[in-house]
Amino acid sequence: MSIVHKTVQRVGNSSGVVLPPEILKEAGLERGDEIIVRAERGQIIISPRVPLREEVLTAAETVIARYDDVFRRLAQ
């Protein structure tokens, strides 16, 4: 397990942390990979974004199309 100390830096109007190559490698990430960032119980958790499989997306589209009127009523 790699451990490094970093400083939160200003990046435009936001803040950021630069991750060293060994941390990315150990996490199975590369430059350009999409990630999910969340705060949980005082910690920042960074996870790889796993794309949904095509059949999951197709099933979701089918359900949304079939029950569109129900979803719209529920949204009100």
PDB file of N, CA and C in Angstrom:
ATOM      1  N   MET A   1       0.849  -1.178   0.000  1.00  0.00           N
ATOM      2  CA  MET A   1       0.000   0.000   0.000  1.00  0.00           C
ATOM      3  C   MET A   1       0.891   1.236   0.000  1.00  0.00           C
ATOM      4  N   SER A   2       0.697   2.105  -0.976  1.00  0.00           N
ATOM      5  CA  SER A   2       1.453   3.356  -1.058  1.00  0.00           C
ATOM      6  C   SER A   2       0.750   4.444  -0.262  1.00  0.00           C
ATOM      7  N   ILE A   3       1.527   5.232   0.440  1.00  0.00           N
ATOM      8  CA  ILE A   3       0.984   6.376   1.177  1.00  0.00           C
ATOM      9  C   ILE A   3       1.849   7.580   0.832  1.00  0.00           C
ATOM     10  N   VAL A   4       1.210   8.681   0.439  1.00  0.00           N
ATOM     11  CA  VAL A   4       1.929   9.923   0.151  1.00  0.00           C
ATOM     12  C   VAL A   4       1.203  11.076   0.842  1.00  0.00           C
ATOM     13  N   HIS A   5       1.934  12.116   1.144  1.00  0.00           N
ATOM     14  CA  HIS A   5       1.354  13.323   1.721  1.00  0.00           C
ATOM     15  C   HIS A   5       1.278  14.356   0.612  1.00  0.00           C
ATOM     16  N   LYS A   6       0.111  14.928   0.395  1.00  0.00           N
ATOM     17  CA  LYS A   6      -0.096  15.913  -0.665  1.00  0.00           C
ATOM     18  C   LYS A   6      -0.776  17.142  -0.070  1.00  0.00           C
ATOM     19  N   THR A   7      -0.732  18.242  -0.793  1.00  0.00           N
ATOM     20  CA  THR A   7      -1.384  19.482  -0.393  1.00  0.00           C
ATOM     21  C   THR A   7      -2.494  19.780  -1.390  1.00  0.00           C
ATOM     22  N   VAL A   8      -3.650  20.172  -0.879  1.00  0.00           N
ATOM     23  CA  VAL A   8      -4.750  20.582  -1.751  1.00  0.00           C
ATOM     24  C   VAL A   8      -4.349  21.929  -2.351  1.00  0.00           C
ATOM     25  N   GLN A   9      -4.357  22.005  -3.683  1.00  0.00           N
ATOM     26  CA  GLN A   9      -3.903  23.193  -4.386  1.00  0.00           C
ATOM     27  C   GLN A   9      -5.059  23.865  -5.111  1.00  0.00           C
ATOM     28  N   ARG A  10      -4.910  25.139  -5.333  1.00  0.00           N
ATOM     29  CA  ARG A  10      -5.896  25.891  -6.104  1.00  0.00           C
ATOM     30  C   ARG A  10      -5.737  25.536  -7.581  1.00  0.00           C
ATOM     31  N   VAL A  11      -6.872  25.241  -8.229  1.00  0.00           N
ATOM     32  CA  VAL A  11      -6.906  24.955  -9.662  1.00  0.00           C
ATOM     33  C   VAL A  11      -8.056  25.789 -10.221  1.00  0.00           C
ATOM     34  N   GLY A  12      -7.739  26.972 -10.735  1.00  0.00           N
ATOM     35  CA  GLY A  12      -8.802  27.886 -11.170  1.00  0.00           C
ATOM     36  C   GLY A  12      -9.642  28.284  -9.970  1.00  0.00           C
ATOM     37  N   ASN A  13     -10.965  28.101 -10.066  1.00  0.00           N
ATOM     38  CA  ASN A  13     -11.865  28.400  -8.953  1.00  0.00           C
ATOM     39  C   ASN A  13     -12.109  27.183  -8.074  1.00  0.00           C
ATOM     40  N   SER A  14     -11.447  26.081  -8.375  1.00  0.00           N
ATOM     41  CA  SER A  14     -11.634  24.835  -7.634  1.00  0.00           C
ATOM     42  C   SER A  14     -10.353  24.494  -6.882  1.00  0.00           C
ATOM     43  N   SER A  15     -10.313  23.289  -6.375  1.00  0.00           N
ATOM     44  CA  SER A  15      -9.129  22.785  -5.697  1.00  0.00           C
ATOM     45  C   SER A  15      -8.805  21.409  -6.253  1.00  0.00           C
ATOM     46  N   GLY A  16      -7.545  21.011  -6.144  1.00  0.00           N
ATOM     47  CA  GLY A  16      -7.170  19.712  -6.680  1.00  0.00           C
ATOM     48  C   GLY A  16      -5.948  19.146  -5.989  1.00  0.00           C
ATOM     49  N   VAL A  17      -5.725  17.875  -6.209  1.00  0.00           N
ATOM     50  CA  VAL A  17      -4.567  17.160  -5.685  1.00  0.00           C
ATOM     51  C   VAL A  17      -3.944  16.402  -6.847  1.00  0.00           C
ATOM     52  N   VAL A  18      -2.649  16.519  -7.016  1.00  0.00           N
ATOM     53  CA  VAL A  18      -1.935  15.793  -8.065  1.00  0.00           C
ATOM     54  C   VAL A  18      -1.522  14.440  -7.493  1.00  0.00           C
ATOM     55  N   LEU A  19      -1.902  13.372  -8.187  1.00  0.00           N
ATOM     56  CA  LEU A  19      -1.602  12.018  -7.719  1.00  0.00           C
ATOM     57  C   LEU A  19      -0.365  11.476  -8.430  1.00  0.00           C
ATOM     58  N   PRO A  20       0.578  10.940  -7.679  1.00  0.00           N
ATOM     59  CA  PRO A  20       1.794  10.404  -8.297  1.00  0.00           C
ATOM     60  C   PRO A  20       1.531   9.088  -9.027  1.00  0.00           C
ATOM     61  N   PRO A  21       2.390   8.751  -9.977  1.00  0.00           N
ATOM     62  CA  PRO A  21       2.190   7.549 -10.792  1.00  0.00           C
ATOM     63  C   PRO A  21       2.035   6.262  -9.984  1.00  0.00           C
ATOM     64  N   GLU A  22       2.773   6.111  -8.893  1.00  0.00           N
ATOM     65  CA  GLU A  22       2.687   4.866  -8.127  1.00  0.00           C
ATOM     66  C   GLU A  22       1.316   4.689  -7.477  1.00  0.00           C
ATOM     67  N   ILE A  23       0.687   5.788  -7.077  1.00  0.00           N
ATOM     68  CA  ILE A  23      -0.662   5.707  -6.502  1.00  0.00           C
ATOM     69  C   ILE A  23      -1.656   5.309  -7.586  1.00  0.00           C
ATOM     70  N   LEU A  24      -1.552   5.949  -8.766  1.00  0.00           N
ATOM     71  CA  LEU A  24      -2.448   5.605  -9.871  1.00  0.00           C
ATOM     72  C   LEU A  24      -2.291   4.140 -10.271  1.00  0.00           C
ATOM     73  N   LYS A  25      -1.044   3.687 -10.376  1.00  0.00           N
ATOM     74  CA  LYS A  25      -0.786   2.309 -10.778  1.00  0.00           C
ATOM     75  C   LYS A  25      -1.386   1.331  -9.777  1.00  0.00           C
ATOM     76  N   GLU A  26      -1.180   1.594  -8.491  1.00  0.00           N
ATOM     77  CA  GLU A  26      -1.703   0.695  -7.457  1.00  0.00           C
ATOM     78  C   GLU A  26      -3.230   0.664  -7.470  1.00  0.00           C
ATOM     79  N   ALA A  27      -3.847   1.777  -7.850  1.00  0.00           N
ATOM     80  CA  ALA A  27      -5.311   1.850  -7.915  1.00  0.00           C
ATOM     81  C   ALA A  27      -5.851   1.327  -9.243  1.00  0.00           C
ATOM     82  N   GLY A  28      -4.954   0.979 -10.165  1.00  0.00           N
ATOM     83  CA  GLY A  28      -5.401   0.487 -11.465  1.00  0.00           C
ATOM     84  C   GLY A  28      -5.921   1.591 -12.364  1.00  0.00           C
ATOM     85  N   LEU A  29      -5.424   2.810 -12.150  1.00  0.00           N
ATOM     86  CA  LEU A  29      -5.865   3.958 -12.946  1.00  0.00           C
ATOM     87  C   LEU A  29      -4.737   4.475 -13.824  1.00  0.00           C
ATOM     88  N   GLU A  30      -5.136   5.152 -14.902  1.00  0.00           N
ATOM     89  CA  GLU A  30      -4.187   5.813 -15.795  1.00  0.00           C
ATOM     90  C   GLU A  30      -4.696   7.220 -16.058  1.00  0.00           C
ATOM     91  N   ARG A  31      -3.815   8.070 -16.541  1.00  0.00           N
ATOM     92  CA  ARG A  31      -4.260   9.411 -16.956  1.00  0.00           C
ATOM     93  C   ARG A  31      -5.402   9.288 -17.946  1.00  0.00           C
ATOM     94  N   GLY A  32      -6.414  10.107 -17.758  1.00  0.00           N
ATOM     95  CA  GLY A  32      -7.559  10.105 -18.673  1.00  0.00           C
ATOM     96  C   GLY A  32      -8.688   9.196 -18.240  1.00  0.00           C
ATOM     97  N   ASP A  33      -8.451   8.309 -17.264  1.00  0.00           N
ATOM     98  CA  ASP A  33      -9.529   7.443 -16.773  1.00  0.00           C
ATOM     99  C   ASP A  33     -10.579   8.278 -16.047  1.00  0.00           C
ATOM    100  N   GLU A  34     -11.822   7.858 -16.145  1.00  0.00           N
ATOM    101  CA  GLU A  34     -12.888   8.518 -15.400  1.00  0.00           C
ATOM    102  C   GLU A  34     -12.951   7.923 -14.004  1.00  0.00           C
ATOM    103  N   ILE A  35     -13.232   8.795 -13.030  1.00  0.00           N
ATOM    104  CA  ILE A  35     -13.312   8.353 -11.642  1.00  0.00           C
ATOM    105  C   ILE A  35     -14.595   8.862 -11.005  1.00  0.00           C
ATOM    106  N   ILE A  36     -14.928   8.292  -9.871  1.00  0.00           N
ATOM    107  CA  ILE A  36     -16.032   8.763  -9.042  1.00  0.00           C
ATOM    108  C   ILE A  36     -15.402   9.260  -7.745  1.00  0.00           C
ATOM    109  N   VAL A  37     -15.759  10.476  -7.335  1.00  0.00           N
ATOM    110  CA  VAL A  37     -15.237  11.057  -6.101  1.00  0.00           C
ATOM    111  C   VAL A  37     -16.421  11.318  -5.186  1.00  0.00           C
ATOM    112  N   ARG A  38     -16.311  10.816  -3.932  1.00  0.00           N
ATOM    113  CA  ARG A  38     -17.390  11.062  -2.975  1.00  0.00           C
ATOM    114  C   ARG A  38     -16.787  11.304  -1.601  1.00  0.00           C
ATOM    115  N   ALA A  39     -17.527  12.031  -0.780  1.00  0.00           N
ATOM    116  CA  ALA A  39     -17.129  12.260   0.604  1.00  0.00           C
ATOM    117  C   ALA A  39     -17.975  11.350   1.474  1.00  0.00           C
ATOM    118  N   GLU A  40     -17.314  10.670   2.403  1.00  0.00           N
ATOM    119  CA  GLU A  40     -18.018   9.727   3.256  1.00  0.00           C
ATOM    120  C   GLU A  40     -17.358   9.711   4.633  1.00  0.00           C
ATOM    121  N   ARG A  41     -18.109  10.108   5.646  1.00  0.00           N
ATOM    122  CA  ARG A  41     -17.622  10.102   7.034  1.00  0.00           C
ATOM    123  C   ARG A  41     -16.269  10.791   7.190  1.00  0.00           C
ATOM    124  N   GLY A  42     -16.138  11.974   6.602  1.00  0.00           N
ATOM    125  CA  GLY A  42     -14.915  12.748   6.748  1.00  0.00           C
ATOM    126  C   GLY A  42     -13.759  12.308   5.873  1.00  0.00           C
ATOM    127  N   GLN A  43     -14.004  11.387   4.945  1.00  0.00           N
ATOM    128  CA  GLN A  43     -12.959  10.936   4.032  1.00  0.00           C
ATOM    129  C   GLN A  43     -13.371  11.196   2.597  1.00  0.00           C
ATOM    130  N   ILE A  44     -12.389  11.372   1.736  1.00  0.00           N
ATOM    131  CA  ILE A  44     -12.641  11.486   0.300  1.00  0.00           C
ATOM    132  C   ILE A  44     -12.302  10.134  -0.310  1.00  0.00           C
ATOM    133  N   ILE A  45     -13.267   9.545  -1.013  1.00  0.00           N
ATOM    134  CA  ILE A  45     -13.092   8.239  -1.626  1.00  0.00           C
ATOM    135  C   ILE A  45     -13.037   8.437  -3.141  1.00  0.00           C
ATOM    136  N   ILE A  46     -11.990   7.930  -3.774  1.00  0.00           N
ATOM    137  CA  ILE A  46     -11.831   7.998  -5.234  1.00  0.00           C
ATOM    138  C   ILE A  46     -11.880   6.579  -5.759  1.00  0.00           C
ATOM    139  N   SER A  47     -12.794   6.325  -6.704  1.00  0.00           N
ATOM    140  CA  SER A  47     -12.952   4.987  -7.277  1.00  0.00           C
ATOM    141  C   SER A  47     -12.970   5.076  -8.797  1.00  0.00           C
ATOM    142  N   PRO A  48     -12.501   4.029  -9.473  1.00  0.00           N
ATOM    143  CA  PRO A  48     -12.623   4.007 -10.938  1.00  0.00           C
ATOM    144  C   PRO A  48     -14.097   3.998 -11.327  1.00  0.00           C
ATOM    145  N   ARG A  49     -14.435   4.709 -12.387  1.00  0.00           N
ATOM    146  CA  ARG A  49     -15.804   4.666 -12.909  1.00  0.00           C
ATOM    147  C   ARG A  49     -15.897   3.463 -13.835  1.00  0.00           C
ATOM    148  N   VAL A  50     -16.796   2.565 -13.498  1.00  0.00           N
ATOM    149  CA  VAL A  50     -16.989   1.371 -14.314  1.00  0.00           C
ATOM    150  C   VAL A  50     -18.165   1.636 -15.244  1.00  0.00           C
ATOM    151  N   PRO A  51     -17.934   1.639 -16.552  1.00  0.00           N
ATOM    152  CA  PRO A  51     -19.022   1.909 -17.489  1.00  0.00           C
ATOM    153  C   PRO A  51     -20.101   0.821 -17.394  1.00  0.00           C
ATOM    154  N   LEU A  52     -21.353   1.248 -17.556  1.00  0.00           N
ATOM    155  CA  LEU A  52     -22.449   0.281 -17.561  1.00  0.00           C
ATOM    156  C   LEU A  52     -22.383  -0.569 -18.825  1.00  0.00           C
ATOM    157  N   ARG A  53     -22.726  -1.826 -18.679  1.00  0.00           N
ATOM    158  CA  ARG A  53     -22.750  -2.711 -19.841  1.00  0.00           C
ATOM    159  C   ARG A  53     -23.889  -2.285 -20.763  1.00  0.00           C
ATOM    160  N   GLU A  54     -23.721  -2.548 -22.027  1.00  0.00           N
ATOM    161  CA  GLU A  54     -24.693  -2.147 -23.049  1.00  0.00           C
ATOM    162  C   GLU A  54     -26.089  -2.690 -22.755  1.00  0.00           C
ATOM    163  N   GLU A  55     -26.180  -3.941 -22.279  1.00  0.00           N
ATOM    164  CA  GLU A  55     -27.500  -4.513 -22.011  1.00  0.00           C
ATOM    165  C   GLU A  55     -28.197  -3.814 -20.842  1.00  0.00           C
ATOM    166  N   VAL A  56     -27.440  -3.290 -19.900  1.00  0.00           N
ATOM    167  CA  VAL A  56     -28.034  -2.541 -18.786  1.00  0.00           C
ATOM    168  C   VAL A  56     -28.614  -1.228 -19.307  1.00  0.00           C
ATOM    169  N   LEU A  57     -27.850  -0.547 -20.154  1.00  0.00           N
ATOM    170  CA  LEU A  57     -28.336   0.702 -20.741  1.00  0.00           C
ATOM    171  C   LEU A  57     -29.581   0.470 -21.589  1.00  0.00           C
ATOM    172  N   THR A  58     -29.587  -0.586 -22.377  1.00  0.00           N
ATOM    173  CA  THR A  58     -30.741  -0.904 -23.219  1.00  0.00           C
ATOM    174  C   THR A  58     -31.961  -1.201 -22.366  1.00  0.00           C
ATOM    175  N   ALA A  59     -31.799  -1.968 -21.297  1.00  0.00           N
ATOM    176  CA  ALA A  59     -32.918  -2.288 -20.406  1.00  0.00           C
ATOM    177  C   ALA A  59     -33.454  -1.022 -19.755  1.00  0.00           C
ATOM    178  N   ALA A  60     -32.567  -0.136 -19.317  1.00  0.00           N
ATOM    179  CA  ALA A  60     -33.001   1.115 -18.687  1.00  0.00           C
ATOM    180  C   ALA A  60     -33.788   1.977 -19.675  1.00  0.00           C
ATOM    181  N   GLU A  61     -33.305   2.074 -20.894  1.00  0.00           N
ATOM    182  CA  GLU A  61     -34.011   2.853 -21.918  1.00  0.00           C
ATOM    183  C   GLU A  61     -35.402   2.274 -22.184  1.00  0.00           C
ATOM    184  N   THR A  62     -35.514   0.958 -22.212  1.00  0.00           N
ATOM    185  CA  THR A  62     -36.802   0.299 -22.444  1.00  0.00           C
ATOM    186  C   THR A  62     -37.787   0.613 -21.316  1.00  0.00           C
ATOM    187  N   VAL A  63     -37.316   0.519 -20.083  1.00  0.00           N
ATOM    188  CA  VAL A  63     -38.187   0.805 -18.929  1.00  0.00           C
ATOM    189  C   VAL A  63     -38.615   2.267 -18.925  1.00  0.00           C
ATOM    190  N   ILE A  64     -37.673   3.154 -19.190  1.00  0.00           N
ATOM    191  CA  ILE A  64     -37.998   4.583 -19.205  1.00  0.00           C
ATOM    192  C   ILE A  64     -39.016   4.892 -20.293  1.00  0.00           C
ATOM    193  N   ALA A  65     -38.829   4.340 -21.478  1.00  0.00           N
ATOM    194  CA  ALA A  65     -39.766   4.583 -22.578  1.00  0.00           C
ATOM    195  C   ALA A  65     -41.144   4.018 -22.240  1.00  0.00           C
ATOM    196  N   ARG A  66     -41.182   2.836 -21.658  1.00  0.00           N
ATOM    197  CA  ARG A  66     -42.460   2.189 -21.366  1.00  0.00           C
ATOM    198  C   ARG A  66     -43.236   2.915 -20.269  1.00  0.00           C
ATOM    199  N   TYR A  67     -42.541   3.407 -19.255  1.00  0.00           N
ATOM    200  CA  TYR A  67     -43.207   4.009 -18.096  1.00  0.00           C
ATOM    201  C   TYR A  67     -42.961   5.513 -18.000  1.00  0.00           C
ATOM    202  N   ASP A  68     -42.699   6.159 -19.120  1.00  0.00           N
ATOM    203  CA  ASP A  68     -42.408   7.583 -19.133  1.00  0.00           C
ATOM    204  C   ASP A  68     -43.497   8.397 -18.439  1.00  0.00           C
ATOM    205  N   ASP A  69     -44.761   8.085 -18.723  1.00  0.00           N
ATOM    206  CA  ASP A  69     -45.857   8.853 -18.117  1.00  0.00           C
ATOM    207  C   ASP A  69     -45.879   8.677 -16.597  1.00  0.00           C
ATOM    208  N   VAL A  70     -45.583   7.490 -16.115  1.00  0.00           N
ATOM    209  CA  VAL A  70     -45.552   7.232 -14.670  1.00  0.00           C
ATOM    210  C   VAL A  70     -44.426   8.032 -14.025  1.00  0.00           C
ATOM    211  N   PHE A  71     -43.249   8.020 -14.632  1.00  0.00           N
ATOM    212  CA  PHE A  71     -42.124   8.769 -14.087  1.00  0.00           C
ATOM    213  C   PHE A  71     -42.418  10.264 -14.048  1.00  0.00           C
ATOM    214  N   ARG A  72     -43.084  10.769 -15.088  1.00  0.00           N
ATOM    215  CA  ARG A  72     -43.412  12.203 -15.107  1.00  0.00           C
ATOM    216  C   ARG A  72     -44.409  12.552 -13.994  1.00  0.00           C
ATOM    217  N   ARG A  73     -45.406  11.685 -13.769  1.00  0.00           N
ATOM    218  CA  ARG A  73     -46.359  11.934 -12.688  1.00  0.00           C
ATOM    219  C   ARG A  73     -45.683  11.871 -11.324  1.00  0.00           C
ATOM    220  N   LEU A  74     -44.798  10.918 -11.148  1.00  0.00           N
ATOM    221  CA  LEU A  74     -44.083  10.810  -9.877  1.00  0.00           C
ATOM    222  C   LEU A  74     -43.190  12.024  -9.618  1.00  0.00           C
ATOM    223  N   ALA A  75     -42.639  12.581 -10.686  1.00  0.00           N
ATOM    224  CA  ALA A  75     -41.765  13.739 -10.545  1.00  0.00           C
ATOM    225  C   ALA A  75     -42.524  14.972 -10.078  1.00  0.00           C
ATOM    226  N   GLN A  76     -43.831  14.993 -10.354  1.00  0.00           N
ATOM    227  CA  GLN A  76     -44.644  16.144  -9.925  1.00  0.00           C
ATOM    228  C   GLN A  76     -44.954  15.972  -8.499  1.00  0.00           C
TER     229      GLN A  76
END
